Amino acid sequence: MNVFEVKNRFFDLFSNFFEFPAKSRSKKKMFRVIVRHAHQQSAARQALIEKIIRVDHAGELGADRIYAGQLAVLQGSSVGSVIRKMWDEEKEHLDTMERLAAKHNVPHTIFSPVFSVAAYALGVGSALLGKEGAMACTIAVEELIGQHYNDQLKELLADDPEAHKDLLKILTRLRDEELHHHDTGIEHDGLKAPAYSALKWIIQTGCKGAIAIAEKV
């Protein structure tokens, strides 16, 4: 049952509950206020879910393409197996977001093709700097994604923890796995990349721009 079916069922229950005498205008007015509030709350909740799923799908698509680009360059290196493991996990994350998008009827951002190409280029470019450059990219991206997931979890908890319990569970798992990738990047010398601070700033600034776009369209 989707959110609109739930809304309609909710309205039917209230309609059956209230019986309006001909002169009971105050009850009618109260009922209209209740229905209007329920509709607005339902619409706001659906908008929140759509925003979260659309931007997270874009993020997981980007991560998938970044690791694909890195592996294309570093497959035979000492970190090749590490990158492949993280990429395999990102593929599962992307599949998860695909299923959520289908379940909640959320279209992908119209910029998906652009993000896909840009992320692959970032993966290749960071890998051409060496394994430290690739791992620096992982640190920067996964740190930002972890923070973003935390912000989303706070939004869902503030709205209704019970209504969002399944989504909260999924996003918590994805966040924890992304933060594990962040730690993996540190363990494999990402902080030793040339001009690490500048590289991190550039990558995270680009990612923040993509997030802002994906939240809207």
N, C-alpha and C. Protein backbone atom coordinates (compact mmCIF):
# COMPACT_ATOMS: atom_id res chain seq x y z
N MET A 1 0.86 -1.20 0.00
CA MET A 1 0.00 0.00 0.00
C MET A 1 0.90 1.25 0.00
N ASN A 2 0.72 2.14 -1.01
CA ASN A 2 1.55 3.33 -1.06
C ASN A 2 0.97 4.43 -0.20
N VAL A 3 1.68 5.56 -0.16
CA VAL A 3 1.28 6.63 0.75
C VAL A 3 -0.07 7.23 0.38
N PHE A 4 -0.41 7.23 -0.91
CA PHE A 4 -1.69 7.81 -1.31
C PHE A 4 -2.85 6.90 -0.95
N GLU A 5 -2.64 5.58 -1.02
CA GLU A 5 -3.68 4.65 -0.60
C GLU A 5 -3.90 4.75 0.90
N VAL A 6 -2.80 4.91 1.65
CA VAL A 6 -2.93 5.09 3.10
C VAL A 6 -3.71 6.36 3.40
N LYS A 7 -3.41 7.42 2.65
CA LYS A 7 -4.11 8.70 2.87
C LYS A 7 -5.60 8.55 2.61
N ASN A 8 -5.95 7.88 1.52
CA ASN A 8 -7.36 7.70 1.20
C ASN A 8 -8.07 6.84 2.24
N ARG A 9 -7.40 5.80 2.72
CA ARG A 9 -7.99 4.96 3.76
C ARG A 9 -8.22 5.77 5.03
N PHE A 10 -7.25 6.64 5.33
CA PHE A 10 -7.35 7.51 6.50
C PHE A 10 -8.58 8.42 6.39
N PHE A 11 -8.77 9.01 5.21
CA PHE A 11 -9.91 9.89 5.00
C PHE A 11 -11.22 9.13 5.14
N ASP A 12 -11.29 7.92 4.61
CA ASP A 12 -12.51 7.12 4.68
C ASP A 12 -12.87 6.81 6.13
N LEU A 13 -11.87 6.47 6.91
CA LEU A 13 -12.12 6.15 8.32
C LEU A 13 -12.70 7.34 9.06
N PHE A 14 -12.12 8.54 8.78
CA PHE A 14 -12.63 9.73 9.45
C PHE A 14 -14.03 10.07 8.97
N SER A 15 -14.30 9.83 7.70
CA SER A 15 -15.64 10.13 7.17
C SER A 15 -16.69 9.26 7.84
N ASN A 16 -16.32 8.00 8.07
CA ASN A 16 -17.26 7.08 8.71
C ASN A 16 -17.43 7.38 10.19
N PHE A 17 -16.38 7.92 10.78
CA PHE A 17 -16.42 8.20 12.22
C PHE A 17 -17.35 9.38 12.54
N PHE A 18 -17.25 10.42 11.70
CA PHE A 18 -18.03 11.61 11.95
C PHE A 18 -19.37 11.52 11.20
N GLU A 19 -20.46 11.73 11.90
CA GLU A 19 -21.77 11.81 11.26
C GLU A 19 -22.29 13.23 11.49
N PHE A 20 -22.56 13.93 10.41
CA PHE A 20 -22.87 15.33 10.52
C PHE A 20 -24.38 15.59 10.45
N PRO A 21 -24.98 16.11 11.52
CA PRO A 21 -26.36 16.59 11.42
C PRO A 21 -26.37 17.79 10.48
N ALA A 22 -27.54 18.12 10.01
CA ALA A 22 -27.64 19.20 9.03
C ALA A 22 -27.08 20.51 9.55
N LYS A 23 -27.24 20.79 10.84
CA LYS A 23 -26.83 22.08 11.37
C LYS A 23 -25.48 22.02 12.08
N SER A 24 -24.77 20.91 11.99
CA SER A 24 -23.52 20.76 12.74
C SER A 24 -22.33 21.30 11.93
N ARG A 25 -22.34 22.60 11.69
CA ARG A 25 -21.30 23.20 10.86
C ARG A 25 -19.94 23.18 11.54
N SER A 26 -19.92 23.30 12.85
CA SER A 26 -18.64 23.33 13.57
C SER A 26 -17.91 22.00 13.43
N LYS A 27 -18.70 20.91 13.46
CA LYS A 27 -18.08 19.59 13.30
C LYS A 27 -17.55 19.42 11.89
N LYS A 28 -18.30 19.91 10.93
CA LYS A 28 -17.85 19.83 9.55
C LYS A 28 -16.55 20.61 9.35
N LYS A 29 -16.52 21.79 9.95
CA LYS A 29 -15.33 22.62 9.83
C LYS A 29 -14.13 21.93 10.48
N MET A 30 -14.37 21.34 11.66
CA MET A 30 -13.29 20.64 12.34
C MET A 30 -12.77 19.47 11.51
N PHE A 31 -13.72 18.75 10.90
CA PHE A 31 -13.34 17.62 10.07
C PHE A 31 -12.49 18.07 8.88
N ARG A 32 -12.91 19.20 8.25
CA ARG A 32 -12.14 19.71 7.11
C ARG A 32 -10.73 20.10 7.54
N VAL A 33 -10.60 20.67 8.72
CA VAL A 33 -9.27 21.06 9.23
C VAL A 33 -8.41 19.82 9.45
N ILE A 34 -9.02 18.77 10.04
CA ILE A 34 -8.28 17.54 10.29
C ILE A 34 -7.82 16.90 8.98
N VAL A 35 -8.73 16.84 8.02
CA VAL A 35 -8.40 16.25 6.72
C VAL A 35 -7.32 17.05 6.01
N ARG A 36 -7.44 18.38 6.05
CA ARG A 36 -6.46 19.23 5.39
C ARG A 36 -5.08 19.04 6.02
N HIS A 37 -5.05 18.99 7.35
CA HIS A 37 -3.78 18.80 8.05
C HIS A 37 -3.17 17.44 7.70
N ALA A 38 -3.99 16.41 7.68
CA ALA A 38 -3.50 15.07 7.35
C ALA A 38 -2.95 15.03 5.93
N HIS A 39 -3.64 15.71 5.02
CA HIS A 39 -3.18 15.74 3.63
C HIS A 39 -1.84 16.46 3.52
N GLN A 40 -1.73 17.59 4.20
CA GLN A 40 -0.49 18.35 4.15
C GLN A 40 0.66 17.56 4.76
N GLN A 41 0.39 16.88 5.88
CA GLN A 41 1.42 16.08 6.53
C GLN A 41 1.86 14.93 5.63
N SER A 42 0.89 14.28 4.99
CA SER A 42 1.20 13.18 4.08
C SER A 42 2.02 13.65 2.90
N ALA A 43 1.66 14.80 2.33
CA ALA A 43 2.39 15.34 1.18
C ALA A 43 3.81 15.73 1.58
N ALA A 44 3.96 16.33 2.76
CA ALA A 44 5.29 16.73 3.24
C ALA A 44 6.17 15.51 3.48
N ARG A 45 5.59 14.46 4.02
CA ARG A 45 6.35 13.23 4.29
C ARG A 45 6.80 12.58 2.99
N GLN A 46 5.90 12.55 2.01
CA GLN A 46 6.25 11.97 0.72
C GLN A 46 7.36 12.79 0.05
N ALA A 47 7.29 14.11 0.17
CA ALA A 47 8.32 14.97 -0.42
C ALA A 47 9.68 14.72 0.23
N LEU A 48 9.68 14.50 1.54
CA LEU A 48 10.91 14.21 2.26
C LEU A 48 11.51 12.89 1.78
N ILE A 49 10.67 11.88 1.67
CA ILE A 49 11.14 10.57 1.22
C ILE A 49 11.69 10.66 -0.20
N GLU A 50 10.98 11.36 -1.07
CA GLU A 50 11.43 11.51 -2.46
C GLU A 50 12.78 12.20 -2.53
N LYS A 51 12.95 13.27 -1.76
CA LYS A 51 14.22 14.00 -1.76
C LYS A 51 15.36 13.11 -1.32
N ILE A 52 15.14 12.37 -0.24
CA ILE A 52 16.18 11.51 0.30
C ILE A 52 16.56 10.41 -0.67
N ILE A 53 15.57 9.74 -1.22
CA ILE A 53 15.87 8.61 -2.11
C ILE A 53 16.51 9.09 -3.41
N ARG A 54 16.02 10.20 -3.95
CA ARG A 54 16.59 10.71 -5.21
C ARG A 54 18.05 11.08 -5.04
N VAL A 55 18.38 11.79 -3.97
CA VAL A 55 19.77 12.23 -3.80
C VAL A 55 20.66 11.05 -3.40
N ASP A 56 20.14 10.11 -2.64
CA ASP A 56 20.96 8.96 -2.25
C ASP A 56 21.21 8.02 -3.43
N HIS A 57 20.22 7.92 -4.30
CA HIS A 57 20.45 7.13 -5.52
C HIS A 57 21.56 7.78 -6.34
N ALA A 58 21.52 9.09 -6.48
CA ALA A 58 22.56 9.80 -7.22
C ALA A 58 23.93 9.60 -6.57
N GLY A 59 23.95 9.64 -5.23
CA GLY A 59 25.21 9.45 -4.51
C GLY A 59 25.79 8.07 -4.69
N GLU A 60 24.92 7.06 -4.61
CA GLU A 60 25.41 5.69 -4.77
C GLU A 60 25.81 5.40 -6.22
N LEU A 61 25.11 6.03 -7.17
CA LEU A 61 25.52 5.92 -8.57
C LEU A 61 26.92 6.52 -8.75
N GLY A 62 27.12 7.69 -8.15
CA GLY A 62 28.42 8.34 -8.23
C GLY A 62 29.53 7.50 -7.63
N ALA A 63 29.27 6.93 -6.45
CA ALA A 63 30.28 6.09 -5.80
C ALA A 63 30.61 4.87 -6.65
N ASP A 64 29.58 4.27 -7.23
CA ASP A 64 29.79 3.12 -8.10
C ASP A 64 30.71 3.48 -9.26
N ARG A 65 30.47 4.63 -9.87
CA ARG A 65 31.28 5.05 -11.03
C ARG A 65 32.69 5.46 -10.63
N ILE A 66 32.84 6.05 -9.45
CA ILE A 66 34.18 6.43 -8.98
C ILE A 66 35.06 5.19 -8.83
N TYR A 67 34.54 4.17 -8.16
CA TYR A 67 35.35 2.96 -7.95
C TYR A 67 35.60 2.22 -9.26
N ALA A 68 34.64 2.29 -10.19
CA ALA A 68 34.86 1.68 -11.51
C ALA A 68 36.03 2.37 -12.21
N GLY A 69 36.07 3.70 -12.12
CA GLY A 69 37.16 4.45 -12.73
C GLY A 69 38.50 4.17 -12.08
N GLN A 70 38.49 4.08 -10.76
CA GLN A 70 39.74 3.79 -10.04
C GLN A 70 40.27 2.41 -10.38
N LEU A 71 39.38 1.45 -10.45
CA LEU A 71 39.82 0.09 -10.72
C LEU A 71 40.34 -0.06 -12.15
N ALA A 72 39.79 0.72 -13.07
CA ALA A 72 40.28 0.68 -14.45
C ALA A 72 41.75 1.05 -14.53
N VAL A 73 42.22 1.88 -13.60
CA VAL A 73 43.62 2.32 -13.59
C VAL A 73 44.48 1.46 -12.66
N LEU A 74 43.93 1.08 -11.52
CA LEU A 74 44.74 0.46 -10.46
C LEU A 74 44.45 -1.03 -10.26
N GLN A 75 43.84 -1.68 -11.23
CA GLN A 75 43.45 -3.08 -11.06
C GLN A 75 44.62 -3.98 -10.66
N GLY A 76 45.77 -3.77 -11.24
CA GLY A 76 46.91 -4.63 -10.94
C GLY A 76 47.81 -4.12 -9.84
N SER A 77 47.38 -3.09 -9.12
CA SER A 77 48.21 -2.50 -8.08
C SER A 77 47.97 -3.18 -6.73
N SER A 78 48.67 -2.70 -5.73
CA SER A 78 48.56 -3.26 -4.38
C SER A 78 47.20 -2.98 -3.74
N VAL A 79 46.47 -1.99 -4.26
CA VAL A 79 45.16 -1.65 -3.69
C VAL A 79 44.02 -2.10 -4.61
N GLY A 80 44.34 -2.83 -5.66
CA GLY A 80 43.32 -3.26 -6.60
C GLY A 80 42.22 -4.07 -5.93
N SER A 81 42.60 -5.02 -5.09
CA SER A 81 41.61 -5.86 -4.42
C SER A 81 40.79 -5.06 -3.41
N VAL A 82 41.41 -4.06 -2.81
CA VAL A 82 40.72 -3.21 -1.85
C VAL A 82 39.64 -2.39 -2.57
N ILE A 83 40.00 -1.82 -3.69
CA ILE A 83 39.05 -1.02 -4.47
C ILE A 83 37.92 -1.90 -4.98
N ARG A 84 38.25 -3.11 -5.44
CA ARG A 84 37.21 -4.01 -5.95
C ARG A 84 36.21 -4.36 -4.85
N LYS A 85 36.70 -4.60 -3.64
CA LYS A 85 35.80 -4.93 -2.53
C LYS A 85 34.85 -3.77 -2.23
N MET A 86 35.39 -2.55 -2.22
CA MET A 86 34.54 -1.39 -1.96
C MET A 86 33.55 -1.19 -3.11
N TRP A 87 34.01 -1.44 -4.32
CA TRP A 87 33.12 -1.30 -5.47
C TRP A 87 31.97 -2.30 -5.41
N ASP A 88 32.28 -3.53 -5.03
CA ASP A 88 31.22 -4.55 -4.89
C ASP A 88 30.16 -4.11 -3.89
N GLU A 89 30.61 -3.50 -2.80
CA GLU A 89 29.66 -3.02 -1.79
C GLU A 89 28.83 -1.85 -2.33
N GLU A 90 29.47 -0.99 -3.12
CA GLU A 90 28.73 0.13 -3.71
C GLU A 90 27.70 -0.35 -4.73
N LYS A 91 28.00 -1.42 -5.42
CA LYS A 91 27.01 -1.98 -6.35
C LYS A 91 25.77 -2.43 -5.59
N GLU A 92 25.97 -3.04 -4.42
CA GLU A 92 24.84 -3.46 -3.60
C GLU A 92 24.08 -2.25 -3.08
N HIS A 93 24.79 -1.19 -2.72
CA HIS A 93 24.14 0.03 -2.26
C HIS A 93 23.27 0.62 -3.37
N LEU A 94 23.81 0.63 -4.59
CA LEU A 94 23.05 1.16 -5.72
C LEU A 94 21.80 0.32 -5.99
N ASP A 95 21.94 -1.00 -5.90
CA ASP A 95 20.78 -1.88 -6.06
C ASP A 95 19.72 -1.59 -5.01
N THR A 96 20.17 -1.34 -3.79
CA THR A 96 19.24 -1.01 -2.70
C THR A 96 18.47 0.27 -3.01
N MET A 97 19.17 1.28 -3.50
CA MET A 97 18.50 2.54 -3.81
C MET A 97 17.58 2.40 -5.01
N GLU A 98 17.94 1.53 -5.95
CA GLU A 98 17.05 1.28 -7.09
C GLU A 98 15.73 0.68 -6.60
N ARG A 99 15.82 -0.26 -5.68
CA ARG A 99 14.61 -0.89 -5.15
C ARG A 99 13.77 0.11 -4.37
N LEU A 100 14.40 0.97 -3.60
CA LEU A 100 13.66 1.98 -2.84
C LEU A 100 12.99 2.98 -3.78
N ALA A 101 13.70 3.36 -4.83
CA ALA A 101 13.12 4.30 -5.80
C ALA A 101 11.88 3.70 -6.47
N ALA A 102 11.96 2.42 -6.79
CA ALA A 102 10.81 1.74 -7.41
C ALA A 102 9.66 1.62 -6.41
N LYS A 103 9.98 1.28 -5.18
CA LYS A 103 8.95 1.10 -4.15
C LYS A 103 8.18 2.38 -3.89
N HIS A 104 8.90 3.51 -3.86
CA HIS A 104 8.27 4.79 -3.51
C HIS A 104 7.98 5.66 -4.73
N ASN A 105 8.12 5.08 -5.93
CA ASN A 105 7.83 5.81 -7.17
C ASN A 105 8.63 7.12 -7.28
N VAL A 106 9.92 7.02 -6.99
CA VAL A 106 10.78 8.20 -7.04
C VAL A 106 11.63 8.16 -8.31
N PRO A 107 11.48 9.14 -9.18
CA PRO A 107 12.31 9.17 -10.40
C PRO A 107 13.75 9.55 -10.06
N HIS A 108 14.67 9.07 -10.88
CA HIS A 108 16.07 9.45 -10.70
C HIS A 108 16.25 10.92 -11.06
N THR A 109 17.28 11.53 -10.52
CA THR A 109 17.59 12.90 -10.92
C THR A 109 17.84 12.95 -12.42
N ILE A 110 17.41 14.01 -13.06
CA ILE A 110 17.59 14.14 -14.50
C ILE A 110 19.06 14.31 -14.86
N PHE A 111 19.89 14.57 -13.86
CA PHE A 111 21.32 14.75 -14.10
C PHE A 111 22.13 13.46 -13.90
N SER A 112 21.45 12.34 -13.76
CA SER A 112 22.15 11.06 -13.56
C SER A 112 23.23 10.80 -14.61
N PRO A 113 22.94 11.00 -15.91
CA PRO A 113 23.99 10.74 -16.91
C PRO A 113 25.22 11.63 -16.72
N VAL A 114 24.99 12.89 -16.36
CA VAL A 114 26.10 13.82 -16.14
C VAL A 114 26.91 13.39 -14.92
N PHE A 115 26.21 13.07 -13.83
CA PHE A 115 26.90 12.65 -12.61
C PHE A 115 27.70 11.37 -12.85
N SER A 116 27.15 10.46 -13.64
CA SER A 116 27.82 9.20 -13.92
C SER A 116 29.16 9.42 -14.62
N VAL A 117 29.14 10.26 -15.65
CA VAL A 117 30.37 10.54 -16.40
C VAL A 117 31.37 11.29 -15.52
N ALA A 118 30.90 12.29 -14.79
CA ALA A 118 31.79 13.08 -13.94
C ALA A 118 32.43 12.22 -12.85
N ALA A 119 31.64 11.31 -12.26
CA ALA A 119 32.17 10.45 -11.20
C ALA A 119 33.22 9.47 -11.74
N TYR A 120 32.97 8.93 -12.91
CA TYR A 120 33.96 8.02 -13.51
C TYR A 120 35.25 8.77 -13.80
N ALA A 121 35.13 9.99 -14.32
CA ALA A 121 36.31 10.82 -14.58
C ALA A 121 37.07 11.11 -13.29
N LEU A 122 36.33 11.36 -12.21
CA LEU A 122 36.97 11.60 -10.92
C LEU A 122 37.72 10.36 -10.46
N GLY A 123 37.10 9.19 -10.64
CA GLY A 123 37.77 7.96 -10.26
C GLY A 123 39.05 7.74 -11.03
N VAL A 124 38.99 7.92 -12.33
CA VAL A 124 40.19 7.75 -13.17
C VAL A 124 41.24 8.79 -12.81
N GLY A 125 40.81 10.05 -12.69
CA GLY A 125 41.76 11.12 -12.39
C GLY A 125 42.46 10.94 -11.06
N SER A 126 41.70 10.56 -10.04
CA SER A 126 42.33 10.37 -8.72
C SER A 126 43.28 9.18 -8.73
N ALA A 127 42.94 8.13 -9.48
CA ALA A 127 43.79 6.95 -9.56
C ALA A 127 45.09 7.24 -10.32
N LEU A 128 45.04 8.15 -11.28
CA LEU A 128 46.25 8.52 -12.02
C LEU A 128 47.27 9.22 -11.13
N LEU A 129 46.81 9.73 -9.99
CA LEU A 129 47.72 10.32 -9.00
C LEU A 129 48.42 9.25 -8.16
N GLY A 130 48.04 8.00 -8.38
CA GLY A 130 48.60 6.90 -7.60
C GLY A 130 47.61 6.38 -6.58
N LYS A 131 47.98 5.33 -5.89
CA LYS A 131 47.06 4.74 -4.92
C LYS A 131 46.71 5.72 -3.81
N GLU A 132 47.65 6.59 -3.45
CA GLU A 132 47.34 7.58 -2.41
C GLU A 132 46.27 8.56 -2.89
N GLY A 133 46.34 8.94 -4.16
CA GLY A 133 45.34 9.84 -4.71
C GLY A 133 43.96 9.19 -4.75
N ALA A 134 43.92 7.92 -5.12
CA ALA A 134 42.64 7.19 -5.15
C ALA A 134 42.06 7.09 -3.75
N MET A 135 42.90 6.79 -2.78
CA MET A 135 42.42 6.65 -1.41
C MET A 135 42.04 8.01 -0.81
N ALA A 136 42.72 9.07 -1.24
CA ALA A 136 42.34 10.41 -0.79
C ALA A 136 40.93 10.75 -1.30
N CYS A 137 40.66 10.36 -2.53
CA CYS A 137 39.32 10.57 -3.10
C CYS A 137 38.28 9.79 -2.28
N THR A 138 38.61 8.57 -1.92
CA THR A 138 37.70 7.75 -1.11
C THR A 138 37.42 8.42 0.23
N ILE A 139 38.46 8.91 0.87
CA ILE A 139 38.28 9.58 2.16
C ILE A 139 37.35 10.78 2.03
N ALA A 140 37.62 11.62 1.03
CA ALA A 140 36.83 12.84 0.85
C ALA A 140 35.37 12.53 0.56
N VAL A 141 35.14 11.61 -0.37
CA VAL A 141 33.77 11.30 -0.78
C VAL A 141 33.01 10.61 0.35
N GLU A 142 33.61 9.61 0.95
CA GLU A 142 32.90 8.83 1.97
C GLU A 142 32.67 9.63 3.24
N GLU A 143 33.57 10.54 3.56
CA GLU A 143 33.35 11.41 4.72
C GLU A 143 32.10 12.26 4.51
N LEU A 144 31.98 12.84 3.31
CA LEU A 144 30.83 13.69 3.02
C LEU A 144 29.55 12.87 2.96
N ILE A 145 29.61 11.69 2.36
CA ILE A 145 28.42 10.84 2.29
C ILE A 145 27.97 10.43 3.68
N GLY A 146 28.92 10.09 4.55
CA GLY A 146 28.57 9.73 5.92
C GLY A 146 27.87 10.86 6.64
N GLN A 147 28.38 12.08 6.48
CA GLN A 147 27.75 13.25 7.09
C GLN A 147 26.35 13.47 6.53
N HIS A 148 26.22 13.27 5.23
CA HIS A 148 24.92 13.48 4.59
C HIS A 148 23.89 12.46 5.08
N TYR A 149 24.31 11.21 5.21
CA TYR A 149 23.41 10.19 5.75
C TYR A 149 22.99 10.54 7.18
N ASN A 150 23.91 11.04 7.96
CA ASN A 150 23.57 11.44 9.33
C ASN A 150 22.51 12.55 9.34
N ASP A 151 22.65 13.51 8.45
CA ASP A 151 21.67 14.59 8.36
C ASP A 151 20.29 14.04 7.99
N GLN A 152 20.26 13.09 7.06
CA GLN A 152 19.00 12.49 6.64
C GLN A 152 18.36 11.69 7.77
N LEU A 153 19.17 10.96 8.51
CA LEU A 153 18.64 10.19 9.64
C LEU A 153 18.00 11.12 10.66
N LYS A 154 18.61 12.26 10.90
CA LYS A 154 18.04 13.24 11.83
C LYS A 154 16.70 13.76 11.32
N GLU A 155 16.61 14.02 10.02
CA GLU A 155 15.35 14.49 9.44
C GLU A 155 14.24 13.46 9.61
N LEU A 156 14.55 12.21 9.35
CA LEU A 156 13.55 11.15 9.44
C LEU A 156 13.12 10.93 10.89
N LEU A 157 14.06 10.99 11.81
CA LEU A 157 13.74 10.83 13.23
C LEU A 157 12.87 11.97 13.72
N ALA A 158 13.15 13.18 13.24
CA ALA A 158 12.36 14.34 13.65
C ALA A 158 10.94 14.27 13.09
N ASP A 159 10.78 13.65 11.93
CA ASP A 159 9.46 13.56 11.31
C ASP A 159 8.61 12.49 12.00
N ASP A 160 9.06 11.24 11.97
CA ASP A 160 8.31 10.15 12.61
C ASP A 160 9.15 8.87 12.58
N PRO A 161 9.81 8.54 13.69
CA PRO A 161 10.67 7.35 13.71
C PRO A 161 9.94 6.06 13.38
N GLU A 162 8.70 5.95 13.80
CA GLU A 162 7.95 4.72 13.55
C GLU A 162 7.57 4.59 12.07
N ALA A 163 7.12 5.69 11.49
CA ALA A 163 6.73 5.66 10.08
C ALA A 163 7.91 5.36 9.17
N HIS A 164 9.10 5.77 9.60
CA HIS A 164 10.29 5.64 8.76
C HIS A 164 11.24 4.54 9.25
N LYS A 165 10.78 3.63 10.09
CA LYS A 165 11.69 2.68 10.73
C LYS A 165 12.46 1.83 9.73
N ASP A 166 11.81 1.40 8.65
CA ASP A 166 12.50 0.58 7.65
C ASP A 166 13.56 1.38 6.91
N LEU A 167 13.21 2.59 6.53
CA LEU A 167 14.18 3.44 5.82
C LEU A 167 15.33 3.83 6.74
N LEU A 168 15.03 4.09 7.99
CA LEU A 168 16.08 4.41 8.96
C LEU A 168 17.08 3.27 9.09
N LYS A 169 16.58 2.06 9.13
CA LYS A 169 17.45 0.89 9.24
C LYS A 169 18.36 0.75 8.03
N ILE A 170 17.80 0.96 6.85
CA ILE A 170 18.58 0.84 5.62
C ILE A 170 19.66 1.92 5.55
N LEU A 171 19.27 3.17 5.81
CA LEU A 171 20.22 4.27 5.71
C LEU A 171 21.31 4.17 6.76
N THR A 172 20.99 3.65 7.93
CA THR A 172 22.00 3.47 8.97
C THR A 172 23.04 2.45 8.51
N ARG A 173 22.59 1.38 7.91
CA ARG A 173 23.54 0.36 7.40
C ARG A 173 24.43 0.95 6.31
N LEU A 174 23.83 1.66 5.37
CA LEU A 174 24.62 2.25 4.29
C LEU A 174 25.63 3.25 4.83
N ARG A 175 25.19 4.07 5.78
CA ARG A 175 26.12 5.05 6.38
C ARG A 175 27.32 4.36 7.00
N ASP A 176 27.05 3.30 7.78
CA ASP A 176 28.14 2.60 8.47
C ASP A 176 29.12 1.99 7.48
N GLU A 177 28.62 1.47 6.39
CA GLU A 177 29.50 0.87 5.39
C GLU A 177 30.30 1.93 4.64
N GLU A 178 29.68 3.09 4.40
CA GLU A 178 30.42 4.19 3.76
C GLU A 178 31.53 4.70 4.68
N LEU A 179 31.26 4.78 5.96
CA LEU A 179 32.28 5.24 6.90
C LEU A 179 33.41 4.21 7.03
N HIS A 180 33.07 2.94 6.83
CA HIS A 180 34.13 1.92 6.81
C HIS A 180 35.03 2.13 5.59
N HIS A 181 34.45 2.51 4.46
CA HIS A 181 35.27 2.83 3.28
C HIS A 181 36.18 4.03 3.59
N HIS A 182 35.64 5.02 4.28
CA HIS A 182 36.44 6.18 4.68
C HIS A 182 37.66 5.73 5.49
N ASP A 183 37.43 4.85 6.45
CA ASP A 183 38.53 4.36 7.28
C ASP A 183 39.52 3.53 6.46
N THR A 184 39.01 2.80 5.48
CA THR A 184 39.88 2.03 4.60
C THR A 184 40.80 2.95 3.81
N GLY A 185 40.27 4.07 3.36
CA GLY A 185 41.09 5.04 2.64
C GLY A 185 42.22 5.57 3.50
N ILE A 186 41.95 5.81 4.77
CA ILE A 186 42.99 6.28 5.69
C ILE A 186 44.04 5.19 5.90
N GLU A 187 43.57 3.95 6.10
CA GLU A 187 44.48 2.83 6.33
C GLU A 187 45.43 2.60 5.16
N HIS A 188 45.01 2.98 3.97
CA HIS A 188 45.83 2.77 2.77
C HIS A 188 46.45 4.07 2.26
N ASP A 189 46.80 4.94 3.19
CA ASP A 189 47.67 6.10 2.94
C ASP A 189 47.02 7.22 2.14
N GLY A 190 45.70 7.33 2.18
CA GLY A 190 45.05 8.42 1.47
C GLY A 190 45.45 9.79 1.98
N LEU A 191 45.77 9.89 3.26
CA LEU A 191 46.16 11.18 3.83
C LEU A 191 47.54 11.63 3.35
N LYS A 192 48.28 10.71 2.74
CA LYS A 192 49.63 11.02 2.25
C LYS A 192 49.63 11.49 0.79
N ALA A 193 48.46 11.63 0.20
CA ALA A 193 48.38 12.07 -1.19
C ALA A 193 48.93 13.48 -1.34
N PRO A 194 49.57 13.79 -2.48
CA PRO A 194 50.07 15.15 -2.70
C PRO A 194 48.92 16.17 -2.63
N ALA A 195 49.16 17.26 -1.93
CA ALA A 195 48.15 18.33 -1.80
C ALA A 195 46.81 17.76 -1.33
N TYR A 196 46.87 16.93 -0.29
CA TYR A 196 45.67 16.25 0.18
C TYR A 196 44.55 17.22 0.53
N SER A 197 44.85 18.26 1.27
CA SER A 197 43.81 19.20 1.72
C SER A 197 43.12 19.87 0.55
N ALA A 198 43.92 20.29 -0.45
CA ALA A 198 43.33 20.94 -1.62
C ALA A 198 42.48 19.94 -2.42
N LEU A 199 42.99 18.71 -2.56
CA LEU A 199 42.26 17.68 -3.29
C LEU A 199 40.93 17.37 -2.60
N LYS A 200 40.96 17.26 -1.28
CA LYS A 200 39.75 16.99 -0.52
C LYS A 200 38.73 18.11 -0.70
N TRP A 201 39.19 19.35 -0.64
CA TRP A 201 38.28 20.49 -0.77
C TRP A 201 37.62 20.49 -2.15
N ILE A 202 38.41 20.26 -3.18
CA ILE A 202 37.87 20.26 -4.55
C ILE A 202 36.82 19.16 -4.71
N ILE A 203 37.14 17.96 -4.24
CA ILE A 203 36.22 16.83 -4.38
C ILE A 203 34.94 17.06 -3.60
N GLN A 204 35.06 17.50 -2.36
CA GLN A 204 33.87 17.68 -1.53
C GLN A 204 33.01 18.85 -2.01
N THR A 205 33.64 19.88 -2.54
CA THR A 205 32.87 21.00 -3.09
C THR A 205 32.05 20.55 -4.28
N GLY A 206 32.65 19.75 -5.14
CA GLY A 206 31.92 19.20 -6.28
C GLY A 206 30.77 18.31 -5.86
N CYS A 207 31.03 17.47 -4.86
CA CYS A 207 29.99 16.57 -4.36
C CYS A 207 28.83 17.34 -3.72
N LYS A 208 29.14 18.39 -2.99
CA LYS A 208 28.09 19.20 -2.36
C LYS A 208 27.21 19.85 -3.43
N GLY A 209 27.82 20.27 -4.52
CA GLY A 209 27.05 20.84 -5.61
C GLY A 209 26.12 19.81 -6.23
N ALA A 210 26.63 18.59 -6.40
CA ALA A 210 25.80 17.52 -6.96
C ALA A 210 24.65 17.18 -6.04
N ILE A 211 24.90 17.15 -4.74
CA ILE A 211 23.86 16.86 -3.76
C ILE A 211 22.75 17.91 -3.83
N ALA A 212 23.16 19.18 -3.87
CA ALA A 212 22.18 20.27 -3.92
C ALA A 212 21.28 20.16 -5.15
N ILE A 213 21.90 19.79 -6.28
CA ILE A 213 21.12 19.64 -7.52
C ILE A 213 20.17 18.46 -7.42
N ALA A 214 20.70 17.31 -6.97
CA ALA A 214 19.88 16.09 -6.91
C ALA A 214 18.72 16.19 -5.93
N GLU A 215 18.86 17.02 -4.92
CA GLU A 215 17.75 17.20 -3.97
C GLU A 215 16.57 17.93 -4.62
N LYS A 216 16.85 18.65 -5.69
CA LYS A 216 15.80 19.46 -6.32
C LYS A 216 15.16 18.76 -7.52
N VAL A 217 15.99 18.18 -8.38
CA VAL A 217 15.45 17.59 -9.63
C VAL A 217 16.13 16.26 -9.94
